[in-house]
Amino acid sequence: MKNLILLLAIFCTAFSYGQNTVHNSTDLQNAEAYFHLKNYRKALYHYKAIAKDTSQHYAISQVQLIQIFIDSNKTRFHEQHLSELIALADSSFENGNLLNSDYLYRRSLRFSPTLQRPQKRLIEIEQSNEAQPDTLSSKDKEMLHLFRKLLNKADSEFDKEKYERAYNLYQRALAIEPTVLYAQQMMKIIDDITSEIK
């Protein structure tokens, strides 16, 4: 009886090892294919599945390599995104759309709090707002508050890489204020990112 149990245990271990090897082989093929297609997020998913086995040194090194690549791309993306934000804010400011430019300058300062131009422009916007009489109705103020709340929430979801939620929130903000180019631009960025992930 003891020998039968031992034999059964050996068989189960061998079967399990065979299943893991087949599964790892499929994951490795998928990971390599996605890596060569430069779909790094999907490649990372498959390499991580293999890297759970700590003896898989190649998969572990590939996970580390892709993570470094994704992080450097994120930094590059944020730098590009920041310059686009400031350009859009400047354009809005020059066209007299102080509401839009105010939001964009504040968003750019969240990326880089020490930037001088956004800080100066925000002071100018505040002075301009103080000089003008408050003509907004209570309903308009309520819509403006909702609009800003939606954009802030959308940006927060975007920063957490919750792209579908962010997209929907930007859409809702656009329904309130269709002329805000920032929300349109962010939806386009999300489309680009999600098409790369798929």
N, C-alpha and C. Protein backbone atom coordinates (compact mmCIF):
# COMPACT_ATOMS: atom_id res chain seq x y z
N MET A 1 0.83 -1.20 0.00
CA MET A 1 0.00 0.00 0.00
C MET A 1 0.87 1.26 0.00
N LYS A 2 1.93 1.23 0.84
CA LYS A 2 2.84 2.36 0.93
C LYS A 2 3.48 2.63 -0.43
N ASN A 3 3.89 1.54 -1.12
CA ASN A 3 4.52 1.67 -2.45
C ASN A 3 3.54 2.26 -3.46
N LEU A 4 2.27 1.86 -3.36
CA LEU A 4 1.25 2.38 -4.28
C LEU A 4 1.05 3.88 -4.10
N ILE A 5 1.02 4.34 -2.85
CA ILE A 5 0.87 5.77 -2.55
C ILE A 5 2.09 6.53 -3.06
N LEU A 6 3.29 5.98 -2.84
CA LEU A 6 4.52 6.62 -3.31
C LEU A 6 4.53 6.70 -4.83
N LEU A 7 4.13 5.63 -5.49
CA LEU A 7 4.07 5.61 -6.95
C LEU A 7 3.07 6.65 -7.47
N LEU A 8 1.93 6.74 -6.80
CA LEU A 8 0.90 7.71 -7.18
C LEU A 8 1.42 9.14 -7.01
N ALA A 9 2.14 9.40 -5.91
CA ALA A 9 2.71 10.73 -5.65
C ALA A 9 3.73 11.09 -6.73
N ILE A 10 4.58 10.13 -7.11
CA ILE A 10 5.59 10.36 -8.16
C ILE A 10 4.89 10.68 -9.49
N PHE A 11 3.85 9.89 -9.80
CA PHE A 11 3.10 10.10 -11.05
C PHE A 11 2.49 11.51 -11.08
N CYS A 12 1.85 11.91 -9.96
CA CYS A 12 1.21 13.24 -9.88
C CYS A 12 2.23 14.35 -10.05
N THR A 13 3.40 14.19 -9.43
CA THR A 13 4.45 15.20 -9.53
C THR A 13 4.94 15.31 -10.97
N ALA A 14 5.17 14.15 -11.60
CA ALA A 14 5.64 14.14 -12.99
C ALA A 14 4.59 14.75 -13.91
N PHE A 15 3.34 14.41 -13.69
CA PHE A 15 2.25 14.95 -14.52
C PHE A 15 2.16 16.47 -14.36
N SER A 16 2.25 16.91 -13.11
CA SER A 16 2.19 18.35 -12.82
C SER A 16 3.37 19.06 -13.47
N TYR A 17 4.56 18.48 -13.39
CA TYR A 17 5.74 19.08 -14.01
C TYR A 17 5.56 19.18 -15.52
N GLY A 18 5.00 18.10 -16.11
CA GLY A 18 4.75 18.09 -17.55
C GLY A 18 3.76 19.18 -17.94
N GLN A 19 2.70 19.34 -17.16
CA GLN A 19 1.70 20.38 -17.43
C GLN A 19 2.32 21.77 -17.34
N ASN A 20 3.15 21.98 -16.28
CA ASN A 20 3.81 23.27 -16.11
C ASN A 20 4.77 23.55 -17.25
N THR A 21 5.48 22.52 -17.70
CA THR A 21 6.43 22.69 -18.80
C THR A 21 5.69 23.08 -20.07
N VAL A 22 4.56 22.41 -20.35
CA VAL A 22 3.75 22.73 -21.53
C VAL A 22 3.21 24.15 -21.42
N HIS A 23 2.70 24.49 -20.22
CA HIS A 23 2.14 25.83 -19.99
C HIS A 23 3.24 26.89 -20.13
N ASN A 24 4.42 26.63 -19.52
CA ASN A 24 5.54 27.57 -19.62
C ASN A 24 6.00 27.73 -21.06
N SER A 25 5.99 26.63 -21.81
CA SER A 25 6.40 26.67 -23.21
C SER A 25 5.45 27.56 -24.02
N THR A 26 4.14 27.42 -23.80
CA THR A 26 3.16 28.25 -24.49
C THR A 26 3.31 29.71 -24.08
N ASP A 27 3.48 29.94 -22.78
CA ASP A 27 3.69 31.31 -22.30
C ASP A 27 4.94 31.92 -22.91
N LEU A 28 6.01 31.13 -23.00
CA LEU A 28 7.26 31.63 -23.56
C LEU A 28 7.09 31.98 -25.03
N GLN A 29 6.42 31.12 -25.78
CA GLN A 29 6.17 31.41 -27.21
C GLN A 29 5.36 32.69 -27.36
N ASN A 30 4.30 32.82 -26.56
CA ASN A 30 3.47 34.04 -26.61
C ASN A 30 4.28 35.27 -26.21
N ALA A 31 5.05 35.14 -25.12
CA ALA A 31 5.86 36.26 -24.64
C ALA A 31 6.84 36.72 -25.71
N GLU A 32 7.53 35.77 -26.32
CA GLU A 32 8.52 36.11 -27.36
C GLU A 32 7.86 36.76 -28.57
N ALA A 33 6.70 36.22 -28.96
CA ALA A 33 5.98 36.79 -30.12
C ALA A 33 5.56 38.22 -29.82
N TYR A 34 4.97 38.46 -28.64
CA TYR A 34 4.54 39.82 -28.28
C TYR A 34 5.74 40.76 -28.14
N PHE A 35 6.85 40.22 -27.61
CA PHE A 35 8.05 41.05 -27.44
C PHE A 35 8.55 41.53 -28.80
N HIS A 36 8.59 40.62 -29.78
CA HIS A 36 9.07 40.99 -31.12
C HIS A 36 8.09 41.91 -31.85
N LEU A 37 6.81 41.85 -31.48
CA LEU A 37 5.82 42.76 -32.05
C LEU A 37 5.80 44.10 -31.31
N LYS A 38 6.67 44.22 -30.28
CA LYS A 38 6.78 45.42 -29.45
C LYS A 38 5.51 45.71 -28.65
N ASN A 39 4.73 44.65 -28.39
CA ASN A 39 3.57 44.78 -27.51
C ASN A 39 4.06 44.35 -26.13
N TYR A 40 4.75 45.30 -25.46
CA TYR A 40 5.48 44.96 -24.25
C TYR A 40 4.58 44.62 -23.07
N ARG A 41 3.40 45.19 -23.02
CA ARG A 41 2.51 44.89 -21.89
C ARG A 41 2.05 43.43 -21.93
N LYS A 42 1.71 42.94 -23.12
CA LYS A 42 1.28 41.54 -23.22
C LYS A 42 2.47 40.60 -23.04
N ALA A 43 3.63 40.99 -23.56
CA ALA A 43 4.82 40.17 -23.38
C ALA A 43 5.14 40.06 -21.89
N LEU A 44 5.04 41.19 -21.19
CA LEU A 44 5.31 41.22 -19.75
C LEU A 44 4.38 40.27 -19.01
N TYR A 45 3.11 40.24 -19.39
CA TYR A 45 2.12 39.35 -18.75
C TYR A 45 2.58 37.89 -18.86
N HIS A 46 3.01 37.47 -20.05
CA HIS A 46 3.40 36.07 -20.26
C HIS A 46 4.75 35.76 -19.60
N TYR A 47 5.71 36.70 -19.68
CA TYR A 47 6.99 36.47 -19.00
C TYR A 47 6.78 36.35 -17.49
N LYS A 48 5.87 37.16 -16.93
CA LYS A 48 5.61 37.10 -15.49
C LYS A 48 5.03 35.75 -15.10
N ALA A 49 4.18 35.18 -15.98
CA ALA A 49 3.60 33.86 -15.70
C ALA A 49 4.70 32.81 -15.58
N ILE A 50 5.72 32.92 -16.42
CA ILE A 50 6.84 31.96 -16.38
C ILE A 50 7.75 32.26 -15.19
N ALA A 51 7.96 33.56 -14.91
CA ALA A 51 8.90 33.98 -13.87
C ALA A 51 8.44 33.62 -12.47
N LYS A 52 7.19 33.15 -12.32
CA LYS A 52 6.73 32.69 -11.00
C LYS A 52 7.60 31.53 -10.52
N ASP A 53 8.09 30.77 -11.48
CA ASP A 53 9.06 29.72 -11.18
C ASP A 53 10.43 30.40 -11.12
N THR A 54 11.00 30.50 -9.93
CA THR A 54 12.24 31.28 -9.74
C THR A 54 13.45 30.70 -10.47
N SER A 55 13.33 29.50 -11.02
CA SER A 55 14.45 28.93 -11.77
C SER A 55 14.47 29.42 -13.22
N GLN A 56 13.44 30.12 -13.62
CA GLN A 56 13.34 30.61 -15.00
C GLN A 56 14.04 31.96 -15.13
N HIS A 57 15.37 31.93 -15.15
CA HIS A 57 16.18 33.15 -15.13
C HIS A 57 15.96 34.03 -16.36
N TYR A 58 15.78 33.40 -17.51
CA TYR A 58 15.56 34.19 -18.74
C TYR A 58 14.29 35.01 -18.63
N ALA A 59 13.20 34.38 -18.19
CA ALA A 59 11.92 35.09 -18.05
C ALA A 59 12.03 36.20 -17.02
N ILE A 60 12.72 35.94 -15.93
CA ILE A 60 12.90 36.95 -14.88
C ILE A 60 13.65 38.16 -15.44
N SER A 61 14.73 37.88 -16.19
CA SER A 61 15.52 39.00 -16.76
C SER A 61 14.69 39.77 -17.80
N GLN A 62 13.83 39.06 -18.55
CA GLN A 62 12.97 39.74 -19.52
C GLN A 62 11.93 40.63 -18.83
N VAL A 63 11.39 40.16 -17.71
CA VAL A 63 10.44 40.97 -16.93
C VAL A 63 11.13 42.26 -16.48
N GLN A 64 12.36 42.14 -15.97
CA GLN A 64 13.10 43.32 -15.51
C GLN A 64 13.40 44.27 -16.67
N LEU A 65 13.80 43.71 -17.81
CA LEU A 65 14.12 44.53 -18.98
C LEU A 65 12.89 45.30 -19.47
N ILE A 66 11.76 44.61 -19.59
CA ILE A 66 10.53 45.25 -20.08
C ILE A 66 10.06 46.31 -19.08
N GLN A 67 10.18 46.02 -17.79
CA GLN A 67 9.76 46.99 -16.77
C GLN A 67 10.58 48.28 -16.88
N ILE A 68 11.89 48.14 -17.11
CA ILE A 68 12.76 49.31 -17.30
C ILE A 68 12.33 50.07 -18.54
N PHE A 69 12.04 49.34 -19.61
CA PHE A 69 11.62 49.97 -20.86
C PHE A 69 10.30 50.73 -20.69
N ILE A 70 9.33 50.09 -20.03
CA ILE A 70 8.02 50.73 -19.81
C ILE A 70 8.19 51.98 -18.94
N ASP A 71 9.01 51.88 -17.90
CA ASP A 71 9.22 53.03 -17.01
C ASP A 71 9.89 54.19 -17.76
N SER A 72 10.87 53.90 -18.61
CA SER A 72 11.53 54.98 -19.36
C SER A 72 10.57 55.59 -20.37
N ASN A 73 9.72 54.76 -20.98
CA ASN A 73 8.71 55.28 -21.90
C ASN A 73 7.70 56.16 -21.18
N LYS A 74 7.35 55.76 -19.94
CA LYS A 74 6.41 56.55 -19.14
C LYS A 74 7.00 57.93 -18.87
N THR A 75 8.29 57.97 -18.51
CA THR A 75 8.95 59.25 -18.25
C THR A 75 8.94 60.11 -19.51
N ARG A 76 9.27 59.49 -20.65
CA ARG A 76 9.27 60.22 -21.92
C ARG A 76 7.86 60.70 -22.25
N PHE A 77 6.87 59.85 -22.00
CA PHE A 77 5.48 60.22 -22.27
C PHE A 77 5.07 61.41 -21.41
N HIS A 78 5.44 61.38 -20.12
CA HIS A 78 5.07 62.47 -19.22
C HIS A 78 5.74 63.78 -19.64
N GLU A 79 7.00 63.71 -20.09
CA GLU A 79 7.68 64.91 -20.56
C GLU A 79 6.98 65.48 -21.79
N GLN A 80 6.62 64.60 -22.73
CA GLN A 80 5.92 65.04 -23.94
C GLN A 80 4.53 65.58 -23.58
N HIS A 81 3.85 64.88 -22.69
CA HIS A 81 2.52 65.27 -22.26
C HIS A 81 2.57 66.65 -21.59
N LEU A 82 3.60 66.87 -20.79
CA LEU A 82 3.76 68.15 -20.09
C LEU A 82 3.94 69.29 -21.08
N SER A 83 4.80 69.10 -22.08
CA SER A 83 5.01 70.19 -23.05
C SER A 83 3.74 70.44 -23.87
N GLU A 84 2.98 69.38 -24.18
CA GLU A 84 1.71 69.54 -24.90
C GLU A 84 0.69 70.28 -24.03
N LEU A 85 0.66 69.96 -22.74
CA LEU A 85 -0.26 70.64 -21.81
C LEU A 85 0.01 72.13 -21.77
N ILE A 86 1.29 72.49 -21.65
CA ILE A 86 1.64 73.91 -21.54
C ILE A 86 1.34 74.64 -22.84
N ALA A 87 1.62 73.98 -23.98
CA ALA A 87 1.31 74.60 -25.28
C ALA A 87 -0.20 74.84 -25.41
N LEU A 88 -0.98 73.86 -24.99
CA LEU A 88 -2.44 73.98 -25.04
C LEU A 88 -2.93 75.07 -24.08
N ALA A 89 -2.33 75.13 -22.91
CA ALA A 89 -2.68 76.16 -21.92
C ALA A 89 -2.35 77.55 -22.46
N ASP A 90 -1.18 77.68 -23.08
CA ASP A 90 -0.78 78.97 -23.66
C ASP A 90 -1.75 79.41 -24.75
N SER A 91 -2.11 78.45 -25.60
CA SER A 91 -3.05 78.74 -26.68
C SER A 91 -4.41 79.18 -26.13
N SER A 92 -4.90 78.48 -25.12
CA SER A 92 -6.18 78.84 -24.49
C SER A 92 -6.09 80.21 -23.84
N PHE A 93 -4.96 80.48 -23.20
CA PHE A 93 -4.77 81.77 -22.53
C PHE A 93 -4.79 82.91 -23.55
N GLU A 94 -4.05 82.72 -24.65
CA GLU A 94 -3.99 83.76 -25.69
C GLU A 94 -5.33 83.98 -26.36
N ASN A 95 -6.17 82.93 -26.42
CA ASN A 95 -7.51 83.06 -27.02
C ASN A 95 -8.54 83.56 -26.01
N GLY A 96 -8.10 83.85 -24.80
CA GLY A 96 -9.01 84.40 -23.79
C GLY A 96 -9.86 83.36 -23.07
N ASN A 97 -9.57 82.08 -23.27
CA ASN A 97 -10.32 81.03 -22.57
C ASN A 97 -9.62 80.76 -21.23
N LEU A 98 -9.91 81.62 -20.26
CA LEU A 98 -9.21 81.57 -18.98
C LEU A 98 -9.58 80.32 -18.17
N LEU A 99 -10.82 79.86 -18.31
CA LEU A 99 -11.26 78.65 -17.60
C LEU A 99 -10.41 77.45 -18.01
N ASN A 100 -10.27 77.28 -19.31
CA ASN A 100 -9.50 76.15 -19.84
C ASN A 100 -8.02 76.29 -19.49
N SER A 101 -7.46 77.49 -19.70
CA SER A 101 -6.03 77.68 -19.44
C SER A 101 -5.72 77.52 -17.95
N ASP A 102 -6.60 77.98 -17.08
CA ASP A 102 -6.41 77.81 -15.64
C ASP A 102 -6.28 76.33 -15.29
N TYR A 103 -7.20 75.52 -15.81
CA TYR A 103 -7.16 74.09 -15.52
C TYR A 103 -5.87 73.46 -16.05
N LEU A 104 -5.49 73.81 -17.28
CA LEU A 104 -4.31 73.21 -17.91
C LEU A 104 -3.01 73.59 -17.20
N TYR A 105 -2.89 74.84 -16.79
CA TYR A 105 -1.69 75.24 -16.05
C TYR A 105 -1.61 74.51 -14.71
N ARG A 106 -2.76 74.36 -14.05
CA ARG A 106 -2.77 73.63 -12.77
C ARG A 106 -2.37 72.17 -12.98
N ARG A 107 -2.88 71.58 -14.04
CA ARG A 107 -2.54 70.18 -14.35
C ARG A 107 -1.04 70.06 -14.63
N SER A 108 -0.47 71.00 -15.38
CA SER A 108 0.97 70.94 -15.69
C SER A 108 1.81 71.06 -14.42
N LEU A 109 1.33 71.86 -13.46
CA LEU A 109 2.07 71.99 -12.20
C LEU A 109 2.02 70.72 -11.36
N ARG A 110 1.02 69.88 -11.58
CA ARG A 110 0.99 68.58 -10.89
C ARG A 110 2.11 67.68 -11.38
N PHE A 111 2.49 67.84 -12.66
CA PHE A 111 3.61 67.05 -13.22
C PHE A 111 4.95 67.64 -12.76
N SER A 112 5.02 68.98 -12.76
CA SER A 112 6.27 69.64 -12.42
C SER A 112 5.98 70.93 -11.65
N PRO A 113 5.94 70.87 -10.32
CA PRO A 113 5.49 71.99 -9.50
C PRO A 113 6.38 73.24 -9.55
N THR A 114 7.60 73.13 -10.07
CA THR A 114 8.51 74.27 -10.05
C THR A 114 8.50 75.10 -11.33
N LEU A 115 7.67 74.75 -12.29
CA LEU A 115 7.64 75.50 -13.55
C LEU A 115 7.20 76.94 -13.31
N GLN A 116 7.94 77.87 -13.90
CA GLN A 116 7.69 79.29 -13.66
C GLN A 116 6.51 79.83 -14.47
N ARG A 117 6.47 79.51 -15.78
CA ARG A 117 5.44 80.11 -16.64
C ARG A 117 4.02 79.78 -16.17
N PRO A 118 3.70 78.52 -15.88
CA PRO A 118 2.35 78.24 -15.38
C PRO A 118 2.02 79.02 -14.10
N GLN A 119 3.00 79.15 -13.20
CA GLN A 119 2.76 79.88 -11.96
C GLN A 119 2.43 81.36 -12.25
N LYS A 120 3.21 81.97 -13.16
CA LYS A 120 2.96 83.38 -13.51
C LYS A 120 1.61 83.54 -14.19
N ARG A 121 1.29 82.64 -15.09
CA ARG A 121 0.01 82.74 -15.81
C ARG A 121 -1.17 82.56 -14.87
N LEU A 122 -1.05 81.67 -13.90
CA LEU A 122 -2.14 81.47 -12.93
C LEU A 122 -2.40 82.75 -12.12
N ILE A 123 -1.32 83.45 -11.79
CA ILE A 123 -1.47 84.73 -11.09
C ILE A 123 -2.20 85.74 -11.98
N GLU A 124 -1.81 85.78 -13.27
CA GLU A 124 -2.47 86.68 -14.23
C GLU A 124 -3.96 86.33 -14.38
N ILE A 125 -4.26 85.04 -14.45
CA ILE A 125 -5.66 84.60 -14.58
C ILE A 125 -6.46 85.01 -13.36
N GLU A 126 -5.86 84.81 -12.18
CA GLU A 126 -6.54 85.17 -10.93
C GLU A 126 -6.81 86.68 -10.88
N GLN A 127 -5.83 87.48 -11.29
CA GLN A 127 -6.01 88.94 -11.31
C GLN A 127 -7.10 89.34 -12.29
N SER A 128 -7.10 88.68 -13.44
CA SER A 128 -8.11 88.98 -14.46
C SER A 128 -9.51 88.63 -13.96
N ASN A 129 -9.63 87.48 -13.29
CA ASN A 129 -10.92 87.05 -12.75
C ASN A 129 -11.43 88.01 -11.66
N GLU A 130 -10.50 88.51 -10.85
CA GLU A 130 -10.88 89.46 -9.80
C GLU A 130 -11.36 90.79 -10.38
N ALA A 131 -10.77 91.18 -11.52
CA ALA A 131 -11.11 92.45 -12.14
C ALA A 131 -12.47 92.42 -12.83
N GLN A 132 -12.92 91.20 -13.21
CA GLN A 132 -14.20 91.08 -13.92
C GLN A 132 -15.33 90.79 -12.93
N PRO A 133 -16.51 91.35 -13.18
CA PRO A 133 -17.64 91.05 -12.30
C PRO A 133 -18.09 89.60 -12.46
N ASP A 134 -18.59 89.02 -11.39
CA ASP A 134 -19.08 87.64 -11.40
C ASP A 134 -20.47 87.61 -12.04
N THR A 135 -20.53 87.14 -13.30
CA THR A 135 -21.80 87.14 -14.03
C THR A 135 -22.41 85.74 -14.16
N LEU A 136 -21.76 84.76 -13.57
CA LEU A 136 -22.26 83.38 -13.70
C LEU A 136 -23.48 83.16 -12.81
N SER A 137 -24.47 82.50 -13.36
CA SER A 137 -25.65 82.14 -12.57
C SER A 137 -25.29 80.96 -11.66
N SER A 138 -26.14 80.69 -10.69
CA SER A 138 -25.86 79.57 -9.77
C SER A 138 -25.84 78.24 -10.52
N LYS A 139 -26.68 78.11 -11.56
CA LYS A 139 -26.69 76.87 -12.36
C LYS A 139 -25.38 76.73 -13.13
N ASP A 140 -24.89 77.85 -13.72
CA ASP A 140 -23.62 77.82 -14.44
C ASP A 140 -22.46 77.46 -13.50
N LYS A 141 -22.49 78.01 -12.30
CA LYS A 141 -21.44 77.71 -11.32
C LYS A 141 -21.47 76.24 -10.93
N GLU A 142 -22.67 75.69 -10.80
CA GLU A 142 -22.83 74.27 -10.48
C GLU A 142 -22.26 73.40 -11.60
N MET A 143 -22.55 73.77 -12.85
CA MET A 143 -22.04 73.01 -14.01
C MET A 143 -20.51 73.13 -14.10
N LEU A 144 -20.00 74.32 -13.81
CA LEU A 144 -18.55 74.53 -13.81
C LEU A 144 -17.88 73.66 -12.74
N HIS A 145 -18.49 73.60 -11.57
CA HIS A 145 -17.97 72.76 -10.49
C HIS A 145 -17.98 71.28 -10.90
N LEU A 146 -19.07 70.83 -11.51
CA LEU A 146 -19.17 69.44 -11.97
C LEU A 146 -18.13 69.16 -13.04
N PHE A 147 -17.97 70.09 -13.96
CA PHE A 147 -17.00 69.96 -15.05
C PHE A 147 -15.59 69.77 -14.49
N ARG A 148 -15.19 70.63 -13.56
CA ARG A 148 -13.85 70.54 -12.97
C ARG A 148 -13.69 69.23 -12.19
N LYS A 149 -14.73 68.83 -11.50
CA LYS A 149 -14.71 67.59 -10.73
C LYS A 149 -14.50 66.39 -11.67
N LEU A 150 -15.22 66.39 -12.80
CA LEU A 150 -15.08 65.30 -13.78
C LEU A 150 -13.67 65.25 -14.35
N LEU A 151 -13.12 66.42 -14.70
CA LEU A 151 -11.77 66.45 -15.26
C LEU A 151 -10.74 65.97 -14.23
N ASN A 152 -10.87 66.42 -12.99
CA ASN A 152 -9.94 65.98 -11.95
C ASN A 152 -10.00 64.47 -11.75
N LYS A 153 -11.22 63.93 -11.72
CA LYS A 153 -11.40 62.48 -11.54
C LYS A 153 -10.84 61.73 -12.75
N ALA A 154 -11.09 62.26 -13.96
CA ALA A 154 -10.57 61.63 -15.19
C ALA A 154 -9.05 61.60 -15.17
N ASP A 155 -8.43 62.72 -14.78
CA ASP A 155 -6.96 62.77 -14.70
C ASP A 155 -6.43 61.78 -13.67
N SER A 156 -7.13 61.69 -12.55
CA SER A 156 -6.72 60.75 -11.51
C SER A 156 -6.77 59.31 -12.01
N GLU A 157 -7.85 58.96 -12.72
CA GLU A 157 -7.98 57.60 -13.28
C GLU A 157 -6.92 57.36 -14.35
N PHE A 158 -6.65 58.38 -15.15
CA PHE A 158 -5.61 58.27 -16.18
C PHE A 158 -4.26 58.00 -15.54
N ASP A 159 -3.93 58.73 -14.48
CA ASP A 159 -2.65 58.55 -13.79
C ASP A 159 -2.52 57.15 -13.20
N LYS A 160 -3.66 56.55 -12.83
CA LYS A 160 -3.65 55.18 -12.27
C LYS A 160 -3.74 54.12 -13.39
N GLU A 161 -3.69 54.57 -14.65
CA GLU A 161 -3.78 53.71 -15.84
C GLU A 161 -5.12 52.99 -15.95
N LYS A 162 -6.16 53.60 -15.39
CA LYS A 162 -7.54 53.10 -15.54
C LYS A 162 -8.13 53.84 -16.74
N TYR A 163 -7.69 53.42 -17.91
CA TYR A 163 -7.95 54.20 -19.13
C TYR A 163 -9.42 54.23 -19.54
N GLU A 164 -10.12 53.13 -19.37
CA GLU A 164 -11.52 53.10 -19.78
C GLU A 164 -12.35 54.06 -18.92
N ARG A 165 -12.10 54.03 -17.61
CA ARG A 165 -12.81 54.94 -16.70
C ARG A 165 -12.48 56.40 -17.04
N ALA A 166 -11.20 56.67 -17.24
CA ALA A 166 -10.77 58.03 -17.57
C ALA A 166 -11.44 58.52 -18.84
N TYR A 167 -11.48 57.66 -19.85
CA TYR A 167 -12.09 58.01 -21.14
C TYR A 167 -13.55 58.42 -20.95
N ASN A 168 -14.28 57.62 -20.19
CA ASN A 168 -15.70 57.92 -19.95
C ASN A 168 -15.89 59.24 -19.21
N LEU A 169 -15.01 59.52 -18.26
CA LEU A 169 -15.10 60.77 -17.51
C LEU A 169 -14.76 61.98 -18.39
N TYR A 170 -13.75 61.83 -19.25
CA TYR A 170 -13.44 62.93 -20.19
C TYR A 170 -14.62 63.18 -21.11
N GLN A 171 -15.27 62.09 -21.54
CA GLN A 171 -16.46 62.21 -22.40
C GLN A 171 -17.57 62.99 -21.69
N ARG A 172 -17.79 62.66 -20.43
CA ARG A 172 -18.83 63.36 -19.66
C ARG A 172 -18.49 64.84 -19.49
N ALA A 173 -17.20 65.13 -19.28
CA ALA A 173 -16.78 66.53 -19.15
C ALA A 173 -17.02 67.28 -20.46
N LEU A 174 -16.74 66.61 -21.58
CA LEU A 174 -16.96 67.22 -22.90
C LEU A 174 -18.44 67.49 -23.16
N ALA A 175 -19.31 66.66 -22.62
CA ALA A 175 -20.74 66.88 -22.80
C ALA A 175 -21.17 68.19 -22.13
N ILE A 176 -20.46 68.56 -21.06
CA ILE A 176 -20.76 69.82 -20.37
C ILE A 176 -20.13 71.00 -21.11
N GLU A 177 -18.86 70.83 -21.51
CA GLU A 177 -18.13 71.92 -22.16
C GLU A 177 -17.40 71.38 -23.39
N PRO A 178 -18.09 71.33 -24.56
CA PRO A 178 -17.54 70.67 -25.75
C PRO A 178 -16.30 71.34 -26.35
N THR A 179 -15.98 72.57 -25.95
CA THR A 179 -14.86 73.27 -26.57
C THR A 179 -13.53 73.00 -25.87
N VAL A 180 -13.53 72.21 -24.81
CA VAL A 180 -12.28 72.00 -24.08
C VAL A 180 -11.40 71.00 -24.82
N LEU A 181 -10.33 71.53 -25.40
CA LEU A 181 -9.44 70.71 -26.21
C LEU A 181 -8.69 69.69 -25.37
N TYR A 182 -8.44 70.01 -24.11
CA TYR A 182 -7.69 69.10 -23.25
C TYR A 182 -8.37 67.74 -23.15
N ALA A 183 -9.67 67.74 -22.89
CA ALA A 183 -10.40 66.47 -22.76
C ALA A 183 -10.36 65.70 -24.07
N GLN A 184 -10.49 66.40 -25.19
CA GLN A 184 -10.43 65.76 -26.51
C GLN A 184 -9.05 65.14 -26.72
N GLN A 185 -8.01 65.89 -26.34
CA GLN A 185 -6.64 65.40 -26.51
C GLN A 185 -6.39 64.16 -25.65
N MET A 186 -6.88 64.18 -24.41
CA MET A 186 -6.68 63.05 -23.52
C MET A 186 -7.40 61.81 -24.03
N MET A 187 -8.57 61.99 -24.62
CA MET A 187 -9.28 60.85 -25.20
C MET A 187 -8.49 60.25 -26.36
N LYS A 188 -7.85 61.12 -27.14
CA LYS A 188 -7.02 60.64 -28.26
C LYS A 188 -5.81 59.87 -27.73
N ILE A 189 -5.19 60.40 -26.67
CA ILE A 189 -4.04 59.72 -26.06
C ILE A 189 -4.45 58.35 -25.56
N ILE A 190 -5.61 58.27 -24.91
CA ILE A 190 -6.11 56.98 -24.40
C ILE A 190 -6.35 56.02 -25.55
N ASP A 191 -6.93 56.50 -26.64
CA ASP A 191 -7.13 55.65 -27.83
C ASP A 191 -5.81 55.09 -28.31
N ASP A 192 -4.77 55.93 -28.35
CA ASP A 192 -3.44 55.48 -28.80
C ASP A 192 -2.86 54.43 -27.84
N ILE A 193 -2.99 54.69 -26.54
CA ILE A 193 -2.42 53.76 -25.54
C ILE A 193 -3.16 52.42 -25.59
N THR A 194 -4.49 52.46 -25.62
CA THR A 194 -5.25 51.20 -25.57
C THR A 194 -5.10 50.41 -26.86
N SER A 195 -4.90 51.08 -27.97
CA SER A 195 -4.70 50.32 -29.22
C SER A 195 -3.35 49.61 -29.18
N GLU A 196 -2.38 50.18 -28.45
CA GLU A 196 -1.08 49.53 -28.30
C GLU A 196 -1.18 48.33 -27.38
N ILE A 197 -2.04 48.43 -26.34
CA ILE A 197 -2.17 47.34 -25.37
C ILE A 197 -2.90 46.15 -25.99
N LYS A 198 -3.91 46.41 -26.85
CA LYS A 198 -4.73 45.32 -27.40
C LYS A 198 -3.94 44.42 -28.31
